[in-house]
Protein backbone atom coordinates (compact mmCIF):
# COMPACT_ATOMS: atom_id res chain seq x y z
CA LEU A 1 0.00 0.00 0.00
CA TYR A 2 2.99 2.35 0.02
CA ALA A 3 3.17 4.84 -2.83
CA THR A 4 5.81 3.76 -5.39
CA ARG A 5 5.89 7.01 -7.34
CA GLY A 6 4.76 10.59 -7.04
CA ARG A 7 4.81 12.57 -3.83
CA ALA A 8 4.98 10.77 -0.50
CA SER A 9 1.61 9.67 0.87
CA ILE A 10 0.48 8.85 4.40
CA PRO A 11 2.11 5.61 5.64
CA PRO A 12 -0.62 2.93 5.84
CA GLU A 13 0.24 1.93 9.42
CA GLN A 14 -0.10 5.54 10.60
CA LEU A 15 -3.35 5.90 8.70
CA LEU A 16 -4.75 2.77 10.34
CA ARG A 17 -3.73 3.93 13.81
CA ALA A 18 -5.38 7.30 13.22
CA LEU A 19 -8.60 5.57 12.15
CA MET A 20 -8.55 3.49 15.34
CA LEU A 21 -8.23 6.69 17.40
CA GLN A 22 -11.20 8.12 15.54
CA VAL A 23 -13.25 5.06 16.52
CA LEU A 24 -12.12 4.86 20.15
CA TYR A 25 -12.48 8.57 20.93
CA SER A 26 -15.73 9.29 19.02
CA ILE A 27 -14.20 11.86 16.67
CA ARG A 28 -16.87 12.83 14.17
CA SER A 29 -14.82 13.98 11.18
CA GLU A 30 -11.37 13.81 9.63
CA ARG A 31 -10.95 17.54 10.11
CA GLN A 32 -11.50 17.22 13.86
CA LEU A 33 -9.10 14.27 13.92
CA MET A 34 -6.36 16.31 12.25
CA GLU A 35 -6.99 19.16 14.69
CA ARG A 36 -6.65 16.74 17.62
CA LEU A 37 -3.41 15.38 16.19
CA SER A 38 -2.01 18.89 15.93
CA TYR A 39 -2.02 19.49 19.71
CA ASP A 40 -2.45 16.12 21.46
CA MET A 41 0.99 14.59 22.15
CA LEU A 42 -0.49 11.20 23.10
CA PHE A 43 -2.30 11.03 19.78
CA ARG A 44 0.94 11.87 17.97
CA TRP A 45 2.84 9.21 19.92
CA PHE A 46 0.25 6.51 19.14
CA VAL A 47 0.07 7.36 15.43
CA GLY A 48 3.86 7.66 15.12
CA LEU A 49 4.25 11.39 14.42
CA GLY A 50 7.03 13.41 15.98
CA LEU A 51 6.43 16.66 17.82
CA ASP A 52 7.77 18.64 14.86
CA ASP A 53 6.09 16.59 12.13
CA GLU A 54 3.44 18.35 10.09
CA VAL A 55 -0.10 17.01 10.43
CA TRP A 56 -1.76 15.83 7.23
CA HIS A 57 -4.40 17.84 5.44
CA PRO A 58 -7.92 16.40 5.96
CA THR A 59 -8.44 15.99 2.21
CA THR A 60 -5.16 14.09 1.85
CA PHE A 61 -6.12 11.86 4.76
CA THR A 62 -9.51 11.12 3.17
CA HIS A 63 -8.03 10.17 -0.20
CA ASN A 64 -5.47 7.87 1.40
CA ARG A 65 -8.14 6.34 3.61
CA GLU A 66 -10.12 5.32 0.54
CA ARG A 67 -7.14 3.33 -0.75
CA LEU A 68 -6.75 1.62 2.61
CA LEU A 69 -10.43 0.69 3.00
CA THR A 70 -10.62 -0.89 -0.45
CA SER A 71 -7.88 -3.36 0.53
CA GLU A 72 -8.12 -6.30 2.94
CA VAL A 73 -6.04 -4.67 5.68
CA VAL A 74 -9.00 -4.13 8.00
CA ASP A 75 -10.06 -7.78 7.77
CA GLU A 76 -6.49 -8.90 8.44
CA LEU A 77 -6.29 -6.65 11.49
CA PHE A 78 -9.59 -8.08 12.75
CA GLY A 79 -8.17 -11.58 12.35
CA LEU A 80 -5.01 -10.66 14.29
CA VAL A 81 -7.10 -9.22 17.14
CA LYS A 82 -9.06 -12.47 17.34
CA GLN A 83 -5.79 -14.44 17.37
CA GLN A 84 -4.63 -12.48 20.41
CA ALA A 85 -7.90 -13.24 22.17
CA ALA A 86 -7.58 -16.92 21.30
CA ALA A 87 -3.98 -17.00 22.58
CA LYS A 88 -5.22 -15.72 25.95
CA LYS A 89 -8.00 -18.34 25.90
CA LEU A 90 -10.72 -15.70 26.02
CA LEU A 91 -12.83 -17.16 23.21
CA SER A 92 -15.40 -19.90 23.45
CA ARG A 93 -15.15 -22.46 20.65
CA ASP A 94 -18.59 -23.99 21.16
CA HIS A 95 -21.16 -21.32 22.02
CA PHE A 96 -21.98 -18.21 19.96
CA SER A 97 -24.67 -15.57 19.47
CA ILE A 98 -25.70 -13.60 16.40
CA ASP A 99 -27.78 -10.51 15.77
CA GLY A 100 -28.38 -7.76 13.25
CA THR A 101 -29.11 -4.06 13.64
CA LEU A 102 -30.16 -1.21 11.37
CA LEU A 103 -27.62 1.49 10.55
CA GLU A 104 -29.12 4.74 9.32
CA ALA A 105 -27.68 5.72 5.97
CA SER A 106 -26.25 9.14 5.15
CA ALA A 107 -29.07 9.88 2.74
CA SER A 108 -32.25 11.93 2.75
CA LEU A 109 -35.76 10.66 2.06
CA LYS A 110 -36.19 13.64 -0.25
CA ARG A 111 -33.82 11.91 -2.67
CA PHE A 112 -35.70 8.61 -2.53
CA VAL A 113 -37.22 8.88 -5.99
CA PRO A 114 -38.75 6.52 -8.58
CA LYS A 115 -36.17 4.42 -10.37
CA ALA A 116 -37.40 5.64 -13.75
CA SER A 117 -36.54 9.23 -12.84
CA LEU A 118 -32.92 8.33 -12.07
CA LYS A 119 -32.23 8.24 -15.81
CA ASP A 120 -34.42 11.22 -16.66
CA GLY A 121 -32.95 13.64 -14.11
CA PRO A 122 -34.80 15.39 -11.25
CA ARG A 123 -38.53 15.02 -10.90
CA ASP A 124 -40.93 17.79 -11.77
CA ASP A 125 -42.10 18.01 -8.17
CA ASP A 126 -38.56 18.34 -6.82
CA SER A 127 -38.74 22.11 -7.06
CA GLY A 128 -40.87 23.59 -4.30
CA SER A 129 -41.24 26.68 -2.26
CA GLY A 130 -37.88 26.13 -0.54
CA SER A 131 -34.64 27.57 -1.85
CA GLY A 132 -31.05 26.42 -1.65
CA ARG A 133 -29.85 22.87 -1.12
CA ASN A 134 -32.69 21.90 1.23
CA GLU A 135 -35.53 22.29 -1.23
CA ALA A 136 -39.12 21.38 -0.42
CA VAL A 137 -40.34 18.06 -1.80
CA ASN A 138 -43.95 16.96 -1.59
CA PHE A 139 -44.23 13.17 -1.56
CA HIS A 140 -47.41 12.89 0.52
CA GLY A 141 -49.86 10.39 -0.89
CA GLU A 142 -47.14 8.74 -2.95
CA LYS A 143 -46.54 5.05 -2.30
CA ARG A 144 -42.83 4.41 -2.06
CA SER A 145 -41.07 1.07 -1.77
CA ASN A 146 -37.69 -0.45 -2.51
CA GLU A 147 -39.09 -2.16 -5.61
CA THR A 148 -40.10 1.09 -7.31
CA HIS A 149 -37.85 3.72 -5.70
CA ALA A 150 -34.14 4.20 -5.07
CA SER A 151 -31.95 6.78 -3.37
CA LYS A 152 -30.06 9.24 -5.54
CA THR A 153 -27.61 9.97 -2.74
CA ASP A 154 -26.80 6.40 -1.69
CA PRO A 155 -28.17 3.80 -4.11
CA ASP A 156 -27.08 0.88 -1.90
CA SER A 157 -29.29 1.98 1.01
CA LEU A 158 -32.81 0.58 1.33
CA LEU A 159 -35.95 1.71 3.10
CA ALA A 160 -36.34 -0.27 6.34
CA ARG A 161 -37.86 0.03 9.81
CA LYS A 162 -37.16 -1.61 13.16
CA GLY A 163 -40.68 -2.88 13.77
CA LYS A 164 -44.38 -2.25 13.41
CA GLY A 165 -45.36 1.32 14.11
CA LYS A 166 -41.82 2.60 13.60
CA GLU A 167 -40.79 5.09 10.94
CA ALA A 168 -39.00 3.80 7.86
CA LYS A 169 -35.52 5.14 7.12
CA LEU A 170 -32.88 4.56 4.50
CA SER A 171 -30.62 2.05 6.20
CA TYR A 172 -28.06 -0.72 6.04
CA CYS A 173 -28.02 -3.86 8.14
CA GLY A 174 -25.03 -4.56 10.39
CA HIS A 175 -24.38 -8.13 11.53
CA LEU A 176 -22.35 -9.36 14.49
CA MET A 177 -21.42 -12.78 15.83
CA THR A 178 -20.05 -12.99 19.38
CA GLU A 179 -18.79 -15.82 21.51
CA ASN A 180 -20.65 -16.44 24.77
CA ARG A 181 -17.74 -16.60 27.22
CA HIS A 182 -16.75 -12.92 27.30
CA GLY A 183 -18.95 -11.40 24.59
CA ILE A 184 -16.07 -10.79 22.16
CA ILE A 185 -16.96 -10.13 18.52
CA VAL A 186 -15.70 -12.90 16.23
CA ASP A 187 -17.37 -11.82 12.97
CA ALA A 188 -18.80 -8.58 11.59
CA ASP A 189 -20.31 -7.61 8.26
CA VAL A 190 -22.71 -5.17 6.60
CA THR A 191 -25.36 -5.87 3.97
CA GLN A 192 -28.34 -4.14 2.45
CA ALA A 193 -31.34 -3.91 4.77
CA THR A 194 -33.61 -6.50 3.19
CA GLY A 195 -36.15 -8.48 5.17
CA ARG A 196 -34.05 -11.65 4.90
CA ALA A 197 -30.63 -10.05 5.43
CA GLU A 198 -30.16 -11.26 9.02
CA ARG A 199 -30.88 -14.91 8.26
CA GLU A 200 -28.91 -14.88 5.02
CA MET A 201 -25.83 -13.42 6.72
CA ALA A 202 -26.20 -15.88 9.60
CA ALA A 203 -25.87 -18.70 7.09
CA VAL A 204 -22.78 -17.03 5.58
CA MET A 205 -21.12 -16.56 8.98
CA LEU A 206 -21.79 -20.18 9.90
CA ALA A 207 -20.29 -21.35 6.64
CA ARG A 208 -17.04 -19.38 7.01
CA ARG A 209 -16.36 -20.10 10.67
CA CYS A 210 -13.10 -21.85 11.48
CA GLY A 211 -13.46 -25.56 12.20
CA LYS A 212 -16.55 -27.69 11.89
CA SER A 213 -17.02 -28.82 15.48
CA ARG A 214 -20.48 -28.83 16.99
CA ILE A 215 -21.57 -25.38 18.22
CA THR A 216 -24.66 -23.65 19.56
CA LEU A 217 -26.03 -20.38 18.16
CA GLY A 218 -28.29 -18.07 20.15
CA ALA A 219 -30.46 -15.46 18.47
CA ASP A 220 -33.80 -13.67 18.73
CA LYS A 221 -37.17 -14.68 17.28
CA ASN A 222 -36.42 -13.25 13.85
CA TYR A 223 -34.11 -16.20 13.18
CA ASP A 224 -36.61 -18.85 14.26
CA THR A 225 -37.71 -20.20 10.89
CA ARG A 226 -37.71 -23.73 9.50
CA GLN A 227 -35.27 -22.77 6.77
CA MET A 228 -32.82 -21.19 9.22
CA ASN A 229 -33.07 -24.14 11.58
CA GLN A 230 -32.26 -26.50 8.73
CA VAL A 231 -29.25 -24.37 7.74
CA CYS A 232 -27.95 -24.65 11.29
CA ARG A 233 -28.36 -28.42 11.29
CA ASP A 234 -26.50 -28.68 7.98
CA GLU A 235 -23.61 -26.60 9.40
CA ASN A 236 -23.29 -28.84 12.49
CA CYS A 237 -24.90 -26.17 14.68
CA THR A 238 -27.64 -26.44 17.31
CA PRO A 239 -30.04 -23.47 17.04
CA HIS A 240 -30.82 -21.83 20.38
CA PHE A 241 -33.26 -19.25 19.02
CA SER A 242 -36.01 -17.51 20.97
CA ARG A 243 -39.15 -19.42 20.14
CA ARG A 244 -42.06 -18.04 18.17
CA ALA A 245 -45.64 -19.16 18.68
CA ASN A 246 -45.29 -21.66 15.81
CA SER A 247 -41.65 -22.45 16.47
CA SER A 248 -40.03 -25.48 14.86
CA LEU A 249 -37.86 -26.00 17.96
CA ASP A 250 -39.20 -28.65 20.29
CA GLY A 251 -38.31 -30.16 23.63
CA ARG A 252 -35.36 -32.06 22.18
CA THR A 253 -33.54 -28.71 22.01
CA THR A 254 -35.21 -26.52 24.63
CA ARG A 255 -35.17 -29.03 27.50
CA HIS A 256 -31.41 -28.74 28.04
CA ALA A 257 -29.91 -26.24 30.49
CA GLY A 258 -27.63 -24.93 27.73
CA PHE A 259 -30.66 -23.50 25.91
CA ASP A 260 -31.51 -21.24 28.86
CA ILE A 261 -27.87 -20.19 29.18
CA SER A 262 -27.76 -19.23 25.49
CA GLN A 263 -30.91 -17.13 25.95
CA ARG A 264 -29.20 -15.14 28.70
CA LYS A 265 -25.85 -14.87 26.95
CA ARG A 266 -27.24 -13.79 23.59
CA LYS A 267 -28.29 -10.45 25.10
CA GLN A 268 -24.63 -9.50 25.49
CA ILE A 269 -24.52 -8.81 21.78
CA GLU A 270 -26.79 -5.80 22.32
CA GLU A 271 -23.95 -4.21 24.30
CA CYS A 272 -21.71 -4.56 21.25
CA ASN A 273 -24.26 -2.90 18.98
CA GLY A 274 -24.85 -0.13 21.51
CA TRP A 275 -21.13 0.62 21.93
CA MET A 276 -20.52 0.67 18.20
CA LYS A 277 -23.44 3.02 17.62
CA ASP A 278 -22.73 5.42 20.48
CA VAL A 279 -18.93 5.40 20.80
CA ALA A 280 -17.86 4.44 17.28
CA LEU A 281 -20.57 6.77 15.88
CA LEU A 282 -22.20 4.18 13.64
CA ARG A 283 -25.78 4.99 14.52
CA LYS A 284 -25.84 7.56 11.71
CA LEU A 285 -23.36 6.55 9.02
CA ARG A 286 -20.90 9.11 7.65
CA HIS A 287 -19.97 7.17 4.51
CA ARG A 288 -21.92 5.97 1.50
CA GLY A 289 -21.81 2.66 -0.30
CA LEU A 290 -21.15 -0.83 1.01
CA GLU A 291 -17.48 -0.68 -0.01
CA ARG A 292 -16.84 2.17 2.44
CA ILE A 293 -19.32 1.31 5.18
CA ARG A 294 -18.26 -2.30 5.72
CA PRO A 295 -14.58 -1.54 6.62
CA MET A 296 -15.66 1.20 9.03
CA TYR A 297 -18.10 -1.21 10.68
CA VAL A 298 -15.34 -3.81 11.07
CA LEU A 299 -13.09 -1.10 12.56
CA GLY A 300 -15.84 -0.41 15.09
CA ALA A 301 -15.87 -4.11 15.99
CA ILE A 302 -12.07 -4.04 16.42
CA GLY A 303 -12.37 -1.02 18.71
CA TYR A 304 -14.97 -2.76 20.85
CA ASN A 305 -12.80 -5.86 21.18
CA ILE A 306 -9.79 -3.78 22.24
CA VAL A 307 -11.80 -2.05 24.96
CA ARG A 308 -13.26 -5.38 25.99
CA PHE A 309 -9.78 -6.91 26.35
CA CYS A 310 -8.73 -4.07 28.66
CA ASN A 311 -11.79 -4.58 30.85
CA ILE A 312 -11.25 -8.33 31.04
CA ASP A 313 -7.58 -7.99 31.98
CA ALA A 314 -8.42 -5.42 34.67
CA PHE A 315 -11.16 -7.71 35.98
CA TRP A 316 -8.78 -10.63 36.44
CA GLU A 317 -6.29 -8.34 38.14
CA GLY A 318 -8.94 -7.25 40.63
CA GLU A 319 -9.49 -3.80 39.13
CA CYS A 320 -12.72 -3.13 37.27
CA VAL A 321 -12.53 -0.47 34.54
């Protein structure tokens, strides 16, 4: 990733360290990050900048970040973090939990227009009484869905809502898999927010897990379908899902004490989603497109694991952080 010609660019390892600081310290923008680097000596020491070194321009940092995120460096770093956790015997090899959450896209509903108009330019009703960039758009009485409409700002985002009675927003779906011993994230990914995204990604995460030993997988009621249960059985996995009224899980699975333990442990994954949304600032995304959002989501998972390691080490030393 080093530049072979032209003017010198930002070293990739310094760029990656700066991105981790942005995640851990809830820094909203690259401009604020560069400002913090200009006066914070601890930030400079962690990134690898000397006291007299010039801080990068925010635009230069953004362009170099794009080159880093399109590579597989973030996934390799995530794998190395998991290896450290495995070396300390912090990971469970048999019991896991999985969940998905909606991530609000950086796109406005005013730009959620019919797909036919994307080729024809702006709609006739786009011009309203408002002036400037935030023009008035009247879409009342218009039926809008993902089949007929798309976002001009972020075409990969889809209209989704958390539940009945909730407002629909342009969103992505973030997926996490954690182990049940300490609640450490072992897999993270982002997909489009379709109605089947959580179950489809659960099947993908089960297929790419290391080893094929028998495991248990806890999840909420959204995963409790006959098709998902069969996928788990095919992947040598026992589904410990919360049961629906017409659940396909029977007493052969739910009678064991491990089922109740999985139901308690699976709620730890909500702490991961909450930390990543509040601290890593992933509740409202700042990037557009799956190619940019997925690496930032994985970086948020890495940041959570690092903080979790510190808390676990302090706990075993008798000091709770």
